[in-house]
Amino acid sequence: MSYAIIGFGKIGQALAKAFARNGIEVSVATTRDPESFASDAAAIGPGIIPKTLAEAVKADIVFLAVRFESHRDVAKALPTWKGKTIVDVTNAYGVSPDELVDRSSAKAVAQAFTGGRLVKGFNHLVAAVLGQDPAVHGGKRVVFLASDDDGAAAEIAALAENLGFSPIQLGGLSEGGLLVQARGNSWGQLIFKDLVKFD
């Protein structure tokens, strides 16, 4: 299984730290030349591999850690996303509800990634928290997941556990997705909730 993070701002780097902590190799890409962020990637760990966008999207599982407005540009990197799982880490804060019509922001992203299996997740925590070790006082930091594809949700839940998190499934994008999204100038009820689960 191969992994990529598209977007290497604060959230992208926080995700990369989770992979590095667990010795899991991950490609990182932006629309810029990989050389321009190679030193930032190296500072996180040797398994964080800078690539071009065209190279990175070949991964089996792709984390979308870009601004919501940029998701369509990333989607155009491939004619079809069939066989790939996309983890939507975007937040549509400030995006007009008129643009989303009556869809969750994740539904809008899913529509752009033709053929792909979309899971909304890892987006409810601020970067500074997401980048920390998720082992907290003997418990594990929670990440929420929502998807219309049960297989994809299970796949990302297993990956979240491998990264040290405790995944909680919220159901489909039209239900659970609304709890972890921004819409206009409002936030879903679970955004910014830093929860720890104890076994």
N, C-alpha and C. Protein backbone atom coordinates (compact mmCIF):
# COMPACT_ATOMS: atom_id res chain seq x y z
N MET A 1 0.85 -1.19 0.00
CA MET A 1 0.00 0.00 0.00
C MET A 1 0.89 1.24 0.00
N SER A 2 0.59 2.18 -0.89
CA SER A 2 1.39 3.41 -0.96
C SER A 2 0.52 4.60 -0.57
N TYR A 3 1.18 5.62 0.02
CA TYR A 3 0.48 6.78 0.56
C TYR A 3 1.07 8.08 0.04
N ALA A 4 0.20 9.08 -0.08
CA ALA A 4 0.66 10.41 -0.49
C ALA A 4 -0.15 11.47 0.23
N ILE A 5 0.50 12.58 0.52
CA ILE A 5 -0.17 13.76 1.08
C ILE A 5 -0.03 14.88 0.05
N ILE A 6 -1.15 15.39 -0.42
CA ILE A 6 -1.13 16.50 -1.37
C ILE A 6 -1.40 17.78 -0.58
N GLY A 7 -0.44 18.67 -0.60
CA GLY A 7 -0.50 19.87 0.23
C GLY A 7 0.51 19.71 1.34
N PHE A 8 1.40 20.69 1.48
CA PHE A 8 2.46 20.56 2.49
C PHE A 8 2.55 21.82 3.34
N GLY A 9 1.36 22.35 3.64
CA GLY A 9 1.27 23.46 4.59
C GLY A 9 1.26 22.88 6.00
N LYS A 10 0.65 23.58 6.95
CA LYS A 10 0.66 23.14 8.35
C LYS A 10 -0.01 21.78 8.54
N ILE A 11 -1.16 21.59 7.89
CA ILE A 11 -1.89 20.32 8.03
C ILE A 11 -1.12 19.19 7.35
N GLY A 12 -0.64 19.43 6.14
CA GLY A 12 0.13 18.41 5.42
C GLY A 12 1.36 17.97 6.21
N GLN A 13 2.04 18.93 6.81
CA GLN A 13 3.23 18.61 7.60
C GLN A 13 2.86 17.88 8.89
N ALA A 14 1.72 18.23 9.49
CA ALA A 14 1.27 17.52 10.69
C ALA A 14 0.97 16.05 10.37
N LEU A 15 0.34 15.80 9.24
CA LEU A 15 0.08 14.42 8.80
C LEU A 15 1.39 13.69 8.54
N ALA A 16 2.33 14.38 7.88
CA ALA A 16 3.63 13.77 7.58
C ALA A 16 4.33 13.34 8.87
N LYS A 17 4.20 14.14 9.92
CA LYS A 17 4.82 13.80 11.21
C LYS A 17 4.24 12.50 11.77
N ALA A 18 2.93 12.29 11.58
CA ALA A 18 2.29 11.07 12.06
C ALA A 18 2.87 9.85 11.33
N PHE A 19 3.07 9.97 10.02
CA PHE A 19 3.67 8.88 9.24
C PHE A 19 5.11 8.65 9.69
N ALA A 20 5.87 9.73 9.86
CA ALA A 20 7.28 9.62 10.23
C ALA A 20 7.44 8.97 11.60
N ARG A 21 6.57 9.34 12.54
CA ARG A 21 6.62 8.78 13.90
C ARG A 21 6.50 7.27 13.89
N ASN A 22 5.75 6.76 12.90
CA ASN A 22 5.46 5.33 12.84
C ASN A 22 6.26 4.60 11.77
N GLY A 23 7.25 5.31 11.18
CA GLY A 23 8.13 4.68 10.20
C GLY A 23 7.43 4.24 8.93
N ILE A 24 6.34 4.94 8.57
CA ILE A 24 5.60 4.62 7.35
C ILE A 24 5.97 5.65 6.28
N GLU A 25 6.45 5.16 5.15
CA GLU A 25 6.87 6.07 4.07
C GLU A 25 5.65 6.72 3.41
N VAL A 26 5.76 8.00 3.12
CA VAL A 26 4.68 8.72 2.46
C VAL A 26 5.27 9.76 1.51
N SER A 27 4.66 9.87 0.32
CA SER A 27 5.05 10.92 -0.63
C SER A 27 4.35 12.21 -0.25
N VAL A 28 5.01 13.34 -0.47
CA VAL A 28 4.38 14.64 -0.24
C VAL A 28 4.54 15.48 -1.51
N ALA A 29 3.50 16.22 -1.84
CA ALA A 29 3.54 17.00 -3.08
C ALA A 29 2.71 18.27 -2.95
N THR A 30 3.09 19.25 -3.75
CA THR A 30 2.31 20.47 -3.91
C THR A 30 2.33 20.77 -5.41
N THR A 31 1.86 21.93 -5.78
CA THR A 31 1.96 22.30 -7.19
C THR A 31 3.35 22.85 -7.51
N ARG A 32 4.17 23.02 -6.45
CA ARG A 32 5.53 23.54 -6.63
C ARG A 32 6.52 22.43 -6.93
N ASP A 33 7.71 22.82 -7.34
CA ASP A 33 8.79 21.88 -7.58
C ASP A 33 9.16 21.20 -6.25
N PRO A 34 9.33 19.87 -6.24
CA PRO A 34 9.66 19.17 -4.99
C PRO A 34 10.91 19.70 -4.30
N GLU A 35 11.85 20.23 -5.08
CA GLU A 35 13.08 20.77 -4.48
C GLU A 35 12.78 21.92 -3.52
N SER A 36 11.68 22.64 -3.78
CA SER A 36 11.37 23.83 -2.99
C SER A 36 10.94 23.50 -1.56
N PHE A 37 10.50 22.26 -1.31
CA PHE A 37 10.12 21.89 0.05
C PHE A 37 10.85 20.64 0.54
N ALA A 38 11.91 20.26 -0.17
CA ALA A 38 12.67 19.06 0.19
C ALA A 38 13.30 19.16 1.58
N SER A 39 13.81 20.34 1.95
CA SER A 39 14.45 20.47 3.25
C SER A 39 13.42 20.36 4.38
N ASP A 40 12.20 20.90 4.18
CA ASP A 40 11.14 20.77 5.18
C ASP A 40 10.75 19.31 5.36
N ALA A 41 10.69 18.57 4.24
CA ALA A 41 10.35 17.15 4.30
C ALA A 41 11.44 16.37 5.03
N ALA A 42 12.70 16.66 4.71
CA ALA A 42 13.83 15.97 5.34
C ALA A 42 13.87 16.23 6.84
N ALA A 43 13.45 17.43 7.25
CA ALA A 43 13.45 17.78 8.67
C ALA A 43 12.44 16.94 9.46
N ILE A 44 11.39 16.47 8.79
CA ILE A 44 10.39 15.64 9.46
C ILE A 44 10.88 14.20 9.58
N GLY A 45 11.50 13.70 8.51
CA GLY A 45 12.01 12.33 8.58
C GLY A 45 12.41 11.80 7.23
N PRO A 46 13.25 10.74 7.20
CA PRO A 46 13.75 10.20 5.93
C PRO A 46 12.68 9.52 5.07
N GLY A 47 11.54 9.14 5.70
CA GLY A 47 10.49 8.47 4.93
C GLY A 47 9.49 9.42 4.31
N ILE A 48 9.75 10.72 4.42
CA ILE A 48 8.86 11.74 3.84
C ILE A 48 9.48 12.14 2.50
N ILE A 49 8.88 11.66 1.41
CA ILE A 49 9.50 11.76 0.08
C ILE A 49 8.85 12.84 -0.78
N PRO A 50 9.56 13.94 -1.07
CA PRO A 50 8.99 14.98 -1.93
C PRO A 50 8.86 14.48 -3.37
N LYS A 51 7.70 14.71 -3.96
CA LYS A 51 7.46 14.29 -5.35
C LYS A 51 6.66 15.37 -6.07
N THR A 52 6.58 15.22 -7.39
CA THR A 52 5.70 16.10 -8.15
C THR A 52 4.27 15.64 -7.92
N LEU A 53 3.32 16.50 -8.20
CA LEU A 53 1.91 16.15 -8.06
C LEU A 53 1.59 14.93 -8.92
N ALA A 54 2.09 14.93 -10.17
CA ALA A 54 1.82 13.82 -11.10
C ALA A 54 2.33 12.48 -10.56
N GLU A 55 3.46 12.50 -9.87
CA GLU A 55 4.01 11.27 -9.28
C GLU A 55 3.23 10.86 -8.04
N ALA A 56 2.92 11.83 -7.19
CA ALA A 56 2.29 11.53 -5.89
C ALA A 56 0.90 10.92 -6.04
N VAL A 57 0.14 11.37 -7.04
CA VAL A 57 -1.24 10.87 -7.18
C VAL A 57 -1.30 9.42 -7.65
N LYS A 58 -0.15 8.81 -7.92
CA LYS A 58 -0.13 7.39 -8.25
C LYS A 58 -0.31 6.51 -7.02
N ALA A 59 -0.24 7.09 -5.82
CA ALA A 59 -0.38 6.34 -4.57
C ALA A 59 -1.77 5.72 -4.46
N ASP A 60 -1.86 4.66 -3.66
CA ASP A 60 -3.16 3.99 -3.44
C ASP A 60 -4.09 4.84 -2.58
N ILE A 61 -3.52 5.47 -1.56
CA ILE A 61 -4.30 6.31 -0.65
C ILE A 61 -3.72 7.72 -0.68
N VAL A 62 -4.57 8.70 -0.99
CA VAL A 62 -4.13 10.08 -1.15
C VAL A 62 -4.85 10.98 -0.14
N PHE A 63 -4.06 11.64 0.70
CA PHE A 63 -4.61 12.62 1.65
C PHE A 63 -4.66 13.97 0.96
N LEU A 64 -5.83 14.58 0.96
CA LEU A 64 -6.04 15.87 0.32
C LEU A 64 -5.97 16.96 1.38
N ALA A 65 -4.78 17.56 1.53
CA ALA A 65 -4.56 18.54 2.59
C ALA A 65 -4.31 19.92 1.99
N VAL A 66 -5.16 20.30 1.04
CA VAL A 66 -5.06 21.60 0.37
C VAL A 66 -6.25 22.46 0.79
N ARG A 67 -6.23 23.71 0.37
CA ARG A 67 -7.41 24.55 0.58
C ARG A 67 -8.58 23.95 -0.19
N PHE A 68 -9.79 24.05 0.36
CA PHE A 68 -10.97 23.49 -0.30
C PHE A 68 -11.06 23.95 -1.75
N GLU A 69 -10.75 25.22 -1.97
CA GLU A 69 -10.86 25.79 -3.32
C GLU A 69 -9.93 25.11 -4.33
N SER A 70 -8.90 24.43 -3.84
CA SER A 70 -7.91 23.82 -4.73
C SER A 70 -8.20 22.35 -5.05
N HIS A 71 -9.27 21.78 -4.48
CA HIS A 71 -9.48 20.35 -4.66
C HIS A 71 -9.72 19.95 -6.11
N ARG A 72 -10.39 20.83 -6.88
CA ARG A 72 -10.66 20.49 -8.29
C ARG A 72 -9.37 20.45 -9.10
N ASP A 73 -8.42 21.32 -8.78
CA ASP A 73 -7.13 21.32 -9.49
C ASP A 73 -6.39 20.01 -9.25
N VAL A 74 -6.44 19.51 -8.03
CA VAL A 74 -5.79 18.23 -7.72
C VAL A 74 -6.52 17.10 -8.46
N ALA A 75 -7.84 17.16 -8.46
CA ALA A 75 -8.64 16.11 -9.11
C ALA A 75 -8.29 15.97 -10.59
N LYS A 76 -7.92 17.09 -11.22
CA LYS A 76 -7.59 17.07 -12.66
C LYS A 76 -6.26 16.38 -12.94
N ALA A 77 -5.49 16.05 -11.90
CA ALA A 77 -4.19 15.40 -12.10
C ALA A 77 -4.33 13.99 -12.68
N LEU A 78 -5.53 13.40 -12.54
CA LEU A 78 -5.79 12.07 -13.10
C LEU A 78 -7.12 12.08 -13.83
N PRO A 79 -7.23 11.35 -14.95
CA PRO A 79 -8.52 11.29 -15.65
C PRO A 79 -9.57 10.50 -14.86
N THR A 80 -9.10 9.50 -14.11
CA THR A 80 -10.00 8.75 -13.23
C THR A 80 -9.25 8.38 -11.96
N TRP A 81 -9.98 8.36 -10.85
CA TRP A 81 -9.41 8.00 -9.55
C TRP A 81 -9.84 6.60 -9.13
N LYS A 82 -10.31 5.82 -10.10
CA LYS A 82 -10.78 4.46 -9.83
C LYS A 82 -9.69 3.65 -9.14
N GLY A 83 -10.07 2.94 -8.09
CA GLY A 83 -9.12 2.11 -7.35
C GLY A 83 -8.36 2.87 -6.27
N LYS A 84 -8.60 4.18 -6.15
CA LYS A 84 -7.88 4.98 -5.15
C LYS A 84 -8.83 5.45 -4.05
N THR A 85 -8.26 5.59 -2.87
CA THR A 85 -9.01 6.14 -1.73
C THR A 85 -8.48 7.53 -1.46
N ILE A 86 -9.39 8.50 -1.39
CA ILE A 86 -9.01 9.89 -1.13
C ILE A 86 -9.50 10.25 0.27
N VAL A 87 -8.59 10.76 1.10
CA VAL A 87 -8.97 11.22 2.44
C VAL A 87 -9.08 12.74 2.37
N ASP A 88 -10.29 13.23 2.52
CA ASP A 88 -10.57 14.67 2.41
C ASP A 88 -10.30 15.35 3.75
N VAL A 89 -9.17 16.07 3.80
CA VAL A 89 -8.78 16.77 5.03
C VAL A 89 -9.08 18.28 4.90
N THR A 90 -9.80 18.66 3.84
CA THR A 90 -10.08 20.08 3.60
C THR A 90 -11.15 20.60 4.55
N ASN A 91 -11.22 21.92 4.67
CA ASN A 91 -12.32 22.59 5.37
C ASN A 91 -12.80 23.73 4.49
N ALA A 92 -14.12 23.80 4.31
CA ALA A 92 -14.69 24.79 3.40
C ALA A 92 -15.11 26.07 4.12
N TYR A 93 -14.35 26.44 5.15
CA TYR A 93 -14.69 27.67 5.88
C TYR A 93 -14.58 28.87 4.94
N GLY A 94 -15.60 29.71 4.96
CA GLY A 94 -15.59 30.89 4.10
C GLY A 94 -16.15 30.65 2.71
N VAL A 95 -16.35 29.37 2.35
CA VAL A 95 -16.94 29.05 1.04
C VAL A 95 -18.45 29.25 1.15
N SER A 96 -19.01 29.95 0.21
CA SER A 96 -20.44 30.26 0.25
C SER A 96 -21.28 28.98 0.26
N PRO A 97 -22.27 28.90 1.18
CA PRO A 97 -23.18 27.75 1.16
C PRO A 97 -23.88 27.58 -0.18
N ASP A 98 -24.01 28.69 -0.93
CA ASP A 98 -24.64 28.62 -2.26
C ASP A 98 -23.82 27.74 -3.20
N GLU A 99 -22.50 27.77 -3.03
CA GLU A 99 -21.62 26.97 -3.89
C GLU A 99 -21.79 25.47 -3.59
N LEU A 100 -22.05 25.17 -2.32
CA LEU A 100 -22.23 23.77 -1.92
C LEU A 100 -23.66 23.30 -2.14
N VAL A 101 -24.57 24.24 -2.40
CA VAL A 101 -26.01 23.97 -2.54
C VAL A 101 -26.45 23.24 -1.26
N ASP A 102 -27.00 22.03 -1.38
CA ASP A 102 -27.43 21.33 -0.17
C ASP A 102 -26.53 20.14 0.14
N ARG A 103 -25.30 20.15 -0.42
CA ARG A 103 -24.37 19.04 -0.20
C ARG A 103 -23.42 19.37 0.95
N SER A 104 -22.89 18.33 1.56
CA SER A 104 -21.77 18.55 2.48
C SER A 104 -20.56 18.89 1.62
N SER A 105 -19.57 19.55 2.21
CA SER A 105 -18.38 19.90 1.43
C SER A 105 -17.68 18.62 0.93
N ALA A 106 -17.74 17.55 1.73
CA ALA A 106 -17.11 16.28 1.32
C ALA A 106 -17.80 15.70 0.09
N LYS A 107 -19.12 15.86 0.00
CA LYS A 107 -19.85 15.39 -1.19
C LYS A 107 -19.36 16.14 -2.43
N ALA A 108 -19.11 17.44 -2.28
CA ALA A 108 -18.60 18.25 -3.39
C ALA A 108 -17.22 17.76 -3.81
N VAL A 109 -16.38 17.44 -2.84
CA VAL A 109 -15.04 16.93 -3.15
C VAL A 109 -15.15 15.56 -3.82
N ALA A 110 -16.00 14.70 -3.29
CA ALA A 110 -16.18 13.35 -3.86
C ALA A 110 -16.58 13.42 -5.33
N GLN A 111 -17.42 14.39 -5.66
CA GLN A 111 -17.89 14.54 -7.04
C GLN A 111 -16.74 14.87 -7.99
N ALA A 112 -15.75 15.61 -7.49
CA ALA A 112 -14.61 16.01 -8.33
C ALA A 112 -13.66 14.84 -8.60
N PHE A 113 -13.56 13.90 -7.65
CA PHE A 113 -12.61 12.80 -7.79
C PHE A 113 -13.31 11.58 -8.39
N THR A 114 -13.57 11.66 -9.68
CA THR A 114 -14.33 10.65 -10.40
C THR A 114 -13.78 9.24 -10.20
N GLY A 115 -14.63 8.35 -9.73
CA GLY A 115 -14.25 6.94 -9.58
C GLY A 115 -13.56 6.63 -8.26
N GLY A 116 -13.13 7.65 -7.52
CA GLY A 116 -12.42 7.41 -6.26
C GLY A 116 -13.36 7.13 -5.11
N ARG A 117 -12.81 6.58 -4.05
CA ARG A 117 -13.57 6.30 -2.83
C ARG A 117 -13.16 7.34 -1.80
N LEU A 118 -14.11 8.16 -1.34
CA LEU A 118 -13.76 9.29 -0.50
C LEU A 118 -14.10 9.06 0.97
N VAL A 119 -13.15 9.40 1.83
CA VAL A 119 -13.36 9.38 3.27
C VAL A 119 -13.04 10.77 3.81
N LYS A 120 -13.98 11.35 4.54
CA LYS A 120 -13.73 12.63 5.21
C LYS A 120 -13.06 12.31 6.54
N GLY A 121 -11.92 12.92 6.82
CA GLY A 121 -11.27 12.61 8.08
C GLY A 121 -10.03 13.43 8.35
N PHE A 122 -9.58 13.39 9.59
CA PHE A 122 -8.34 14.05 10.05
C PHE A 122 -8.43 15.58 9.95
N ASN A 123 -9.61 16.14 9.67
CA ASN A 123 -9.71 17.58 9.43
C ASN A 123 -10.26 18.36 10.61
N HIS A 124 -10.67 17.68 11.68
CA HIS A 124 -11.34 18.42 12.76
C HIS A 124 -10.35 18.99 13.78
N LEU A 125 -9.09 18.57 13.71
CA LEU A 125 -8.07 19.06 14.65
C LEU A 125 -7.21 20.15 14.00
N VAL A 126 -6.82 21.14 14.78
CA VAL A 126 -5.90 22.15 14.26
C VAL A 126 -4.53 21.49 14.06
N ALA A 127 -3.73 22.05 13.18
CA ALA A 127 -2.45 21.43 12.81
C ALA A 127 -1.55 21.17 14.00
N ALA A 128 -1.49 22.12 14.94
CA ALA A 128 -0.60 21.99 16.09
C ALA A 128 -0.96 20.77 16.94
N VAL A 129 -2.24 20.43 17.00
CA VAL A 129 -2.70 19.26 17.76
C VAL A 129 -2.53 17.99 16.93
N LEU A 130 -2.91 18.06 15.66
CA LEU A 130 -2.78 16.90 14.76
C LEU A 130 -1.33 16.42 14.66
N GLY A 131 -0.40 17.34 14.75
CA GLY A 131 1.01 17.00 14.62
C GLY A 131 1.64 16.39 15.86
N GLN A 132 0.91 16.42 16.99
CA GLN A 132 1.44 15.86 18.24
C GLN A 132 1.29 14.34 18.27
N ASP A 133 2.07 13.70 19.13
CA ASP A 133 1.91 12.27 19.35
C ASP A 133 0.48 12.03 19.85
N PRO A 134 -0.29 11.14 19.18
CA PRO A 134 -1.67 10.93 19.59
C PRO A 134 -1.84 10.09 20.86
N ALA A 135 -0.73 9.56 21.40
CA ALA A 135 -0.80 8.84 22.68
C ALA A 135 -0.85 9.89 23.80
N VAL A 136 -1.99 9.95 24.51
CA VAL A 136 -2.20 10.99 25.52
C VAL A 136 -2.65 10.35 26.83
N HIS A 137 -1.83 10.44 27.87
CA HIS A 137 -2.20 9.95 29.21
C HIS A 137 -2.74 8.52 29.17
N GLY A 138 -2.15 7.67 28.37
CA GLY A 138 -2.59 6.27 28.31
C GLY A 138 -3.76 6.03 27.37
N GLY A 139 -4.25 7.08 26.73
CA GLY A 139 -5.32 6.94 25.74
C GLY A 139 -4.82 7.33 24.36
N LYS A 140 -5.72 7.36 23.39
CA LYS A 140 -5.35 7.73 22.02
C LYS A 140 -6.26 8.84 21.52
N ARG A 141 -5.64 9.81 20.84
CA ARG A 141 -6.41 10.94 20.31
C ARG A 141 -7.37 10.43 19.23
N VAL A 142 -8.59 10.95 19.27
CA VAL A 142 -9.64 10.53 18.34
C VAL A 142 -9.53 11.26 17.00
N VAL A 143 -9.74 10.51 15.91
CA VAL A 143 -9.98 11.14 14.61
C VAL A 143 -11.34 10.63 14.12
N PHE A 144 -12.13 11.54 13.59
CA PHE A 144 -13.46 11.19 13.08
C PHE A 144 -13.36 10.88 11.59
N LEU A 145 -14.13 9.87 11.15
CA LEU A 145 -14.16 9.48 9.75
C LEU A 145 -15.61 9.38 9.28
N ALA A 146 -15.86 9.85 8.07
CA ALA A 146 -17.19 9.72 7.47
C ALA A 146 -17.00 9.31 6.01
N SER A 147 -17.83 8.38 5.54
CA SER A 147 -17.71 7.93 4.16
C SER A 147 -18.99 7.24 3.72
N ASP A 148 -19.26 7.28 2.42
CA ASP A 148 -20.37 6.52 1.84
C ASP A 148 -19.91 5.14 1.40
N ASP A 149 -18.62 4.85 1.59
CA ASP A 149 -18.04 3.56 1.21
C ASP A 149 -17.49 2.87 2.45
N ASP A 150 -18.19 1.84 2.90
CA ASP A 150 -17.80 1.17 4.14
C ASP A 150 -16.40 0.57 4.06
N GLY A 151 -16.04 0.04 2.88
CA GLY A 151 -14.72 -0.56 2.70
C GLY A 151 -13.61 0.47 2.83
N ALA A 152 -13.83 1.63 2.23
CA ALA A 152 -12.84 2.70 2.30
C ALA A 152 -12.72 3.22 3.73
N ALA A 153 -13.86 3.35 4.41
CA ALA A 153 -13.85 3.83 5.80
C ALA A 153 -13.07 2.86 6.69
N ALA A 154 -13.26 1.56 6.48
CA ALA A 154 -12.55 0.55 7.28
C ALA A 154 -11.05 0.61 6.99
N GLU A 155 -10.70 0.82 5.72
CA GLU A 155 -9.30 0.92 5.30
C GLU A 155 -8.61 2.10 6.00
N ILE A 156 -9.27 3.25 6.02
CA ILE A 156 -8.67 4.44 6.63
C ILE A 156 -8.69 4.34 8.15
N ALA A 157 -9.70 3.65 8.71
CA ALA A 157 -9.72 3.43 10.15
C ALA A 157 -8.51 2.59 10.57
N ALA A 158 -8.19 1.56 9.77
CA ALA A 158 -7.03 0.71 10.07
C ALA A 158 -5.74 1.52 9.98
N LEU A 159 -5.66 2.40 8.97
CA LEU A 159 -4.47 3.25 8.82
C LEU A 159 -4.36 4.21 10.01
N ALA A 160 -5.50 4.80 10.42
CA ALA A 160 -5.51 5.72 11.56
C ALA A 160 -4.96 5.02 12.81
N GLU A 161 -5.36 3.77 13.00
CA GLU A 161 -4.86 3.00 14.15
C GLU A 161 -3.36 2.77 14.03
N ASN A 162 -2.90 2.46 12.81
CA ASN A 162 -1.45 2.28 12.60
C ASN A 162 -0.67 3.56 12.88
N LEU A 163 -1.33 4.70 12.68
CA LEU A 163 -0.69 6.00 12.94
C LEU A 163 -0.82 6.39 14.42
N GLY A 164 -1.48 5.55 15.21
CA GLY A 164 -1.57 5.80 16.65
C GLY A 164 -2.85 6.46 17.12
N PHE A 165 -3.78 6.74 16.20
CA PHE A 165 -5.03 7.41 16.56
C PHE A 165 -6.13 6.40 16.89
N SER A 166 -7.20 6.89 17.46
CA SER A 166 -8.39 6.08 17.71
C SER A 166 -9.50 6.59 16.79
N PRO A 167 -9.81 5.85 15.71
CA PRO A 167 -10.82 6.33 14.77
C PRO A 167 -12.25 6.10 15.27
N ILE A 168 -13.11 7.05 15.01
CA ILE A 168 -14.54 6.90 15.30
C ILE A 168 -15.30 7.15 14.01
N GLN A 169 -16.09 6.16 13.59
CA GLN A 169 -16.86 6.25 12.35
C GLN A 169 -18.15 7.04 12.62
N LEU A 170 -18.41 8.01 11.75
CA LEU A 170 -19.59 8.87 11.92
C LEU A 170 -20.71 8.54 10.93
N GLY A 171 -20.50 7.53 10.07
CA GLY A 171 -21.52 7.21 9.07
C GLY A 171 -21.22 7.89 7.74
N GLY A 172 -22.28 8.12 6.96
CA GLY A 172 -22.12 8.65 5.61
C GLY A 172 -21.77 10.13 5.55
N LEU A 173 -21.43 10.58 4.34
CA LEU A 173 -21.01 11.97 4.14
C LEU A 173 -22.15 12.96 4.41
N SER A 174 -23.38 12.55 4.11
CA SER A 174 -24.51 13.46 4.30
C SER A 174 -24.93 13.58 5.75
N GLU A 175 -24.48 12.62 6.59
CA GLU A 175 -24.80 12.70 8.02
C GLU A 175 -23.53 13.06 8.79
N GLY A 176 -22.65 12.10 8.93
CA GLY A 176 -21.42 12.32 9.69
C GLY A 176 -20.54 13.40 9.11
N GLY A 177 -20.53 13.51 7.78
CA GLY A 177 -19.70 14.52 7.13
C GLY A 177 -20.05 15.93 7.55
N LEU A 178 -21.33 16.16 7.86
CA LEU A 178 -21.77 17.49 8.26
C LEU A 178 -21.26 17.87 9.65
N LEU A 179 -20.95 16.86 10.46
CA LEU A 179 -20.48 17.13 11.83
C LEU A 179 -19.03 17.60 11.85
N VAL A 180 -18.29 17.30 10.77
CA VAL A 180 -16.85 17.64 10.73
C VAL A 180 -16.53 18.50 9.52
N GLN A 181 -17.43 19.42 9.20
CA GLN A 181 -17.14 20.31 8.08
C GLN A 181 -17.40 21.75 8.46
N ALA A 182 -16.75 22.64 7.72
CA ALA A 182 -17.08 24.05 7.81
C ALA A 182 -18.04 24.35 6.67
N ARG A 183 -18.90 25.32 6.89
CA ARG A 183 -19.87 25.70 5.86
C ARG A 183 -20.12 27.19 6.02
N GLY A 184 -19.78 27.97 5.00
CA GLY A 184 -19.92 29.41 5.15
C GLY A 184 -19.04 29.88 6.29
N ASN A 185 -19.63 30.53 7.27
CA ASN A 185 -18.86 31.01 8.42
C ASN A 185 -19.18 30.22 9.69
N SER A 186 -19.64 28.99 9.51
CA SER A 186 -19.94 28.16 10.68
C SER A 186 -19.15 26.85 10.61
N TRP A 187 -18.98 26.24 11.77
CA TRP A 187 -18.23 24.99 11.88
C TRP A 187 -19.16 23.88 12.35
N GLY A 188 -18.90 22.65 11.87
CA GLY A 188 -19.65 21.49 12.34
C GLY A 188 -19.43 21.28 13.83
N GLN A 189 -20.36 20.54 14.46
CA GLN A 189 -20.34 20.40 15.91
C GLN A 189 -19.09 19.70 16.45
N LEU A 190 -18.41 18.89 15.65
CA LEU A 190 -17.25 18.15 16.15
C LEU A 190 -15.91 18.78 15.75
N ILE A 191 -15.96 19.87 14.99
CA ILE A 191 -14.73 20.54 14.60
C ILE A 191 -14.06 21.13 15.86
N PHE A 192 -12.75 20.96 15.95
CA PHE A 192 -11.91 21.45 17.05
C PHE A 192 -12.08 20.67 18.36
N LYS A 193 -12.93 19.63 18.39
CA LYS A 193 -13.08 18.85 19.62
C LYS A 193 -11.90 17.89 19.72
N ASP A 194 -11.02 18.13 20.67
CA ASP A 194 -9.84 17.30 20.88
C ASP A 194 -10.18 16.25 21.94
N LEU A 195 -10.56 15.06 21.47
CA LEU A 195 -11.01 14.00 22.37
C LEU A 195 -9.97 12.87 22.44
N VAL A 196 -9.90 12.24 23.59
CA VAL A 196 -9.00 11.11 23.79
C VAL A 196 -9.84 9.91 24.21
N LYS A 197 -9.59 8.76 23.57
CA LYS A 197 -10.35 7.55 23.88
C LYS A 197 -9.47 6.60 24.68
N PHE A 198 -10.04 6.06 25.75
CA PHE A 198 -9.32 5.11 26.61
C PHE A 198 -9.95 3.74 26.44
N ASP A 199 -9.12 2.71 26.32
CA ASP A 199 -9.65 1.35 26.17
C ASP A 199 -10.18 0.84 27.50
